[in-house]
Amino acid sequence: MNKVQIGAPRTSASPGVIMKPEGSVKIAVMNGSRQVDQVVNGEWLALLQKS
């Protein structure tokens, strides 16, 4: 079993990660904060984090 450091960024090689096409966007809203992520060069990048 591969161990992953807590808080380490997840990549397409990480277990359980299904990559989406380039340019895909996801928005997460948690406890009144929001985070916008987008696939850039095959990696999810956080574009915006706002409280």
PDB file of N, CA and C in Angstrom:
ATOM      1  N   MET A   1       0.845  -1.186   0.000  1.00  0.00           N
ATOM      2  CA  MET A   1       0.000   0.000   0.000  1.00  0.00           C
ATOM      3  C   MET A   1       0.883   1.239   0.000  1.00  0.00           C
ATOM      4  N   ASN A   2       0.569   2.191  -0.849  1.00  0.00           N
ATOM      5  CA  ASN A   2       1.304   3.455  -0.897  1.00  0.00           C
ATOM      6  C   ASN A   2       0.785   4.377   0.188  1.00  0.00           C
ATOM      7  N   LYS A   3       1.711   5.010   0.911  1.00  0.00           N
ATOM      8  CA  LYS A   3       1.314   5.992   1.916  1.00  0.00           C
ATOM      9  C   LYS A   3       1.493   7.372   1.319  1.00  0.00           C
ATOM     10  N   VAL A   4       0.512   8.238   1.554  1.00  0.00           N
ATOM     11  CA  VAL A   4       0.544   9.590   1.027  1.00  0.00           C
ATOM     12  C   VAL A   4       0.574  10.547   2.208  1.00  0.00           C
ATOM     13  N   GLN A   5       1.470  11.530   2.163  1.00  0.00           N
ATOM     14  CA  GLN A   5       1.566  12.510   3.232  1.00  0.00           C
ATOM     15  C   GLN A   5       0.287  13.332   3.287  1.00  0.00           C
ATOM     16  N   ILE A   6      -0.210  13.554   4.492  1.00  0.00           N
ATOM     17  CA  ILE A   6      -1.422  14.353   4.665  1.00  0.00           C
ATOM     18  C   ILE A   6      -1.165  15.764   4.168  1.00  0.00           C
ATOM     19  N   GLY A   7      -2.060  16.273   3.349  1.00  0.00           N
ATOM     20  CA  GLY A   7      -1.935  17.616   2.813  1.00  0.00           C
ATOM     21  C   GLY A   7      -1.125  17.687   1.525  1.00  0.00           C
ATOM     22  N   ALA A   8      -0.530  16.561   1.105  1.00  0.00           N
ATOM     23  CA  ALA A   8       0.259  16.558  -0.131  1.00  0.00           C
ATOM     24  C   ALA A   8      -0.687  16.689  -1.320  1.00  0.00           C
ATOM     25  N   PRO A   9      -0.282  17.430  -2.359  1.00  0.00           N
ATOM     26  CA  PRO A   9      -1.146  17.559  -3.534  1.00  0.00           C
ATOM     27  C   PRO A   9      -1.363  16.211  -4.212  1.00  0.00           C
ATOM     28  N   ARG A  10      -2.576  15.983  -4.707  1.00  0.00           N
ATOM     29  CA  ARG A  10      -2.885  14.734  -5.397  1.00  0.00           C
ATOM     30  C   ARG A  10      -2.670  14.923  -6.888  1.00  0.00           C
ATOM     31  N   THR A  11      -2.111  13.909  -7.519  1.00  0.00           N
ATOM     32  CA  THR A  11      -1.860  13.953  -8.956  1.00  0.00           C
ATOM     33  C   THR A  11      -2.569  12.784  -9.616  1.00  0.00           C
ATOM     34  N   SER A  12      -2.450  12.689 -10.932  1.00  0.00           N
ATOM     35  CA  SER A  12      -3.095  11.592 -11.657  1.00  0.00           C
ATOM     36  C   SER A  12      -2.520  10.242 -11.243  1.00  0.00           C
ATOM     37  N   ALA A  13      -1.320  10.226 -10.649  1.00  0.00           N
ATOM     38  CA  ALA A  13      -0.705   8.978 -10.205  1.00  0.00           C
ATOM     39  C   ALA A  13      -1.178   8.567  -8.811  1.00  0.00           C
ATOM     40  N   SER A  14      -1.859   9.465  -8.093  1.00  0.00           N
ATOM     41  CA  SER A  14      -2.340   9.165  -6.742  1.00  0.00           C
ATOM     42  C   SER A  14      -3.469   8.145  -6.802  1.00  0.00           C
ATOM     43  N   PRO A  15      -3.520   7.220  -5.827  1.00  0.00           N
ATOM     44  CA  PRO A  15      -4.596   6.228  -5.829  1.00  0.00           C
ATOM     45  C   PRO A  15      -5.961   6.888  -5.678  1.00  0.00           C
ATOM     46  N   GLY A  16      -6.923   6.426  -6.441  1.00  0.00           N
ATOM     47  CA  GLY A  16      -8.287   6.917  -6.349  1.00  0.00           C
ATOM     48  C   GLY A  16      -8.555   8.218  -7.081  1.00  0.00           C
ATOM     49  N   VAL A  17      -7.576   8.742  -7.802  1.00  0.00           N
ATOM     50  CA  VAL A  17      -7.764  10.001  -8.515  1.00  0.00           C
ATOM     51  C   VAL A  17      -8.134   9.709  -9.966  1.00  0.00           C
ATOM     52  N   ILE A  18      -9.264  10.233 -10.387  1.00  0.00           N
ATOM     53  CA  ILE A  18      -9.680  10.118 -11.782  1.00  0.00           C
ATOM     54  C   ILE A  18      -9.526  11.511 -12.381  1.00  0.00           C
ATOM     55  N   MET A  19      -8.600  11.634 -13.308  1.00  0.00           N
ATOM     56  CA  MET A  19      -8.347  12.948 -13.896  1.00  0.00           C
ATOM     57  C   MET A  19      -9.433  13.306 -14.898  1.00  0.00           C
ATOM     58  N   LYS A  20      -9.738  14.552 -14.961  1.00  0.00           N
ATOM     59  CA  LYS A  20     -10.708  15.092 -15.896  1.00  0.00           C
ATOM     60  C   LYS A  20      -9.954  15.752 -17.041  1.00  0.00           C
ATOM     61  N   PRO A  21     -10.634  16.048 -18.140  1.00  0.00           N
ATOM     62  CA  PRO A  21      -9.966  16.684 -19.280  1.00  0.00           C
ATOM     63  C   PRO A  21      -9.379  18.052 -18.923  1.00  0.00           C
ATOM     64  N   GLU A  22      -8.352  18.435 -19.660  1.00  0.00           N
ATOM     65  CA  GLU A  22      -7.706  19.741 -19.486  1.00  0.00           C
ATOM     66  C   GLU A  22      -8.758  20.850 -19.482  1.00  0.00           C
ATOM     67  N   GLY A  23      -8.646  21.762 -18.519  1.00  0.00           N
ATOM     68  CA  GLY A  23      -9.573  22.885 -18.425  1.00  0.00           C
ATOM     69  C   GLY A  23     -10.790  22.617 -17.556  1.00  0.00           C
ATOM     70  N   SER A  24     -10.986  21.363 -17.105  1.00  0.00           N
ATOM     71  CA  SER A  24     -12.123  21.055 -16.236  1.00  0.00           C
ATOM     72  C   SER A  24     -12.042  21.894 -14.965  1.00  0.00           C
ATOM     73  N   VAL A  25     -13.204  22.274 -14.435  1.00  0.00           N
ATOM     74  CA  VAL A  25     -13.266  23.112 -13.236  1.00  0.00           C
ATOM     75  C   VAL A  25     -14.135  22.417 -12.206  1.00  0.00           C
ATOM     76  N   LYS A  26     -13.745  22.540 -10.915  1.00  0.00           N
ATOM     77  CA  LYS A  26     -14.604  22.074  -9.824  1.00  0.00           C
ATOM     78  C   LYS A  26     -14.637  23.162  -8.761  1.00  0.00           C
ATOM     79  N   ILE A  27     -15.770  23.290  -8.108  1.00  0.00           N
ATOM     80  CA  ILE A  27     -15.959  24.285  -7.065  1.00  0.00           C
ATOM     81  C   ILE A  27     -16.377  23.551  -5.802  1.00  0.00           C
ATOM     82  N   ALA A  28     -15.659  23.809  -4.702  1.00  0.00           N
ATOM     83  CA  ALA A  28     -15.997  23.216  -3.415  1.00  0.00           C
ATOM     84  C   ALA A  28     -16.391  24.330  -2.463  1.00  0.00           C
ATOM     85  N   VAL A  29     -17.516  24.147  -1.765  1.00  0.00           N
ATOM     86  CA  VAL A  29     -17.957  25.101  -0.757  1.00  0.00           C
ATOM     87  C   VAL A  29     -17.976  24.369   0.575  1.00  0.00           C
ATOM     88  N   MET A  30     -17.178  24.877   1.520  1.00  0.00           N
ATOM     89  CA  MET A  30     -17.051  24.231   2.824  1.00  0.00           C
ATOM     90  C   MET A  30     -17.085  25.291   3.913  1.00  0.00           C
ATOM     91  N   ASN A  31     -18.014  25.175   4.826  1.00  0.00           N
ATOM     92  CA  ASN A  31     -18.104  26.091   5.968  1.00  0.00           C
ATOM     93  C   ASN A  31     -18.087  27.553   5.535  1.00  0.00           C
ATOM     94  N   GLY A  32     -18.788  27.884   4.472  1.00  0.00           N
ATOM     95  CA  GLY A  32     -18.872  29.257   4.019  1.00  0.00           C
ATOM     96  C   GLY A  32     -17.704  29.724   3.176  1.00  0.00           C
ATOM     97  N   SER A  33     -16.682  28.893   3.001  1.00  0.00           N
ATOM     98  CA  SER A  33     -15.551  29.237   2.135  1.00  0.00           C
ATOM     99  C   SER A  33     -15.714  28.516   0.811  1.00  0.00           C
ATOM    100  N   ARG A  34     -15.093  29.034  -0.233  1.00  0.00           N
ATOM    101  CA  ARG A  34     -15.161  28.335  -1.515  1.00  0.00           C
ATOM    102  C   ARG A  34     -13.769  28.234  -2.120  1.00  0.00           C
ATOM    103  N   GLN A  35     -13.586  27.167  -2.883  1.00  0.00           N
ATOM    104  CA  GLN A  35     -12.325  26.927  -3.572  1.00  0.00           C
ATOM    105  C   GLN A  35     -12.644  26.515  -4.996  1.00  0.00           C
ATOM    106  N   VAL A  36     -11.993  27.163  -5.966  1.00  0.00           N
ATOM    107  CA  VAL A  36     -12.174  26.850  -7.377  1.00  0.00           C
ATOM    108  C   VAL A  36     -10.884  26.206  -7.870  1.00  0.00           C
ATOM    109  N   ASP A  37     -10.982  24.995  -8.404  1.00  0.00           N
ATOM    110  CA  ASP A  37      -9.842  24.254  -8.933  1.00  0.00           C
ATOM    111  C   ASP A  37     -10.029  24.026 -10.426  1.00  0.00           C
ATOM    112  N   GLN A  38      -8.916  23.947 -11.162  1.00  0.00           N
ATOM    113  CA  GLN A  38      -8.965  23.680 -12.599  1.00  0.00           C
ATOM    114  C   GLN A  38      -7.812  22.763 -12.969  1.00  0.00           C
ATOM    115  N   VAL A  39      -8.035  21.884 -13.974  1.00  0.00           N
ATOM    116  CA  VAL A  39      -6.976  21.016 -14.476  1.00  0.00           C
ATOM    117  C   VAL A  39      -6.105  21.823 -15.437  1.00  0.00           C
ATOM    118  N   VAL A  40      -4.817  21.946 -15.083  1.00  0.00           N
ATOM    119  CA  VAL A  40      -3.843  22.644 -15.911  1.00  0.00           C
ATOM    120  C   VAL A  40      -2.613  21.738 -16.015  1.00  0.00           C
ATOM    121  N   ASN A  41      -2.209  21.416 -17.232  1.00  0.00           N
ATOM    122  CA  ASN A  41      -1.071  20.511 -17.464  1.00  0.00           C
ATOM    123  C   ASN A  41      -1.221  19.191 -16.708  1.00  0.00           C
ATOM    124  N   GLY A  42      -2.448  18.659 -16.672  1.00  0.00           N
ATOM    125  CA  GLY A  42      -2.691  17.361 -16.063  1.00  0.00           C
ATOM    126  C   GLY A  42      -2.725  17.352 -14.550  1.00  0.00           C
ATOM    127  N   GLU A  43      -2.746  18.517 -13.901  1.00  0.00           N
ATOM    128  CA  GLU A  43      -2.766  18.612 -12.439  1.00  0.00           C
ATOM    129  C   GLU A  43      -3.918  19.526 -12.020  1.00  0.00           C
ATOM    130  N   TRP A  44      -4.565  19.198 -10.889  1.00  0.00           N
ATOM    131  CA  TRP A  44      -5.564  20.101 -10.329  1.00  0.00           C
ATOM    132  C   TRP A  44      -4.839  21.243  -9.639  1.00  0.00           C
ATOM    133  N   LEU A  45      -5.167  22.477  -9.989  1.00  0.00           N
ATOM    134  CA  LEU A  45      -4.585  23.654  -9.363  1.00  0.00           C
ATOM    135  C   LEU A  45      -5.695  24.485  -8.722  1.00  0.00           C
ATOM    136  N   ALA A  46      -5.444  24.977  -7.508  1.00  0.00           N
ATOM    137  CA  ALA A  46      -6.403  25.848  -6.844  1.00  0.00           C
ATOM    138  C   ALA A  46      -6.274  27.242  -7.443  1.00  0.00           C
ATOM    139  N   LEU A  47      -7.333  27.734  -8.066  1.00  0.00           N
ATOM    140  CA  LEU A  47      -7.319  29.047  -8.694  1.00  0.00           C
ATOM    141  C   LEU A  47      -7.765  30.135  -7.738  1.00  0.00           C
ATOM    142  N   LEU A  48      -8.717  29.805  -6.854  1.00  0.00           N
ATOM    143  CA  LEU A  48      -9.301  30.824  -5.979  1.00  0.00           C
ATOM    144  C   LEU A  48      -9.702  30.181  -4.675  1.00  0.00           C
ATOM    145  N   GLN A  49      -9.325  30.790  -3.568  1.00  0.00           N
ATOM    146  CA  GLN A  49      -9.797  30.382  -2.256  1.00  0.00           C
ATOM    147  C   GLN A  49     -10.305  31.637  -1.579  1.00  0.00           C
ATOM    148  N   LYS A  50     -11.572  31.616  -1.194  1.00  0.00           N
ATOM    149  CA  LYS A  50     -12.176  32.808  -0.632  1.00  0.00           C
ATOM    150  C   LYS A  50     -13.031  32.430   0.570  1.00  0.00           C
ATOM    151  N   SER A  51     -12.917  33.233   1.617  1.00  0.00           N
ATOM    152  CA  SER A  51     -13.712  32.984   2.839  1.00  0.00           C
ATOM    153  C   SER A  51     -14.990  33.764   2.807  1.00  0.00           C
TER     154      SER A  51
END
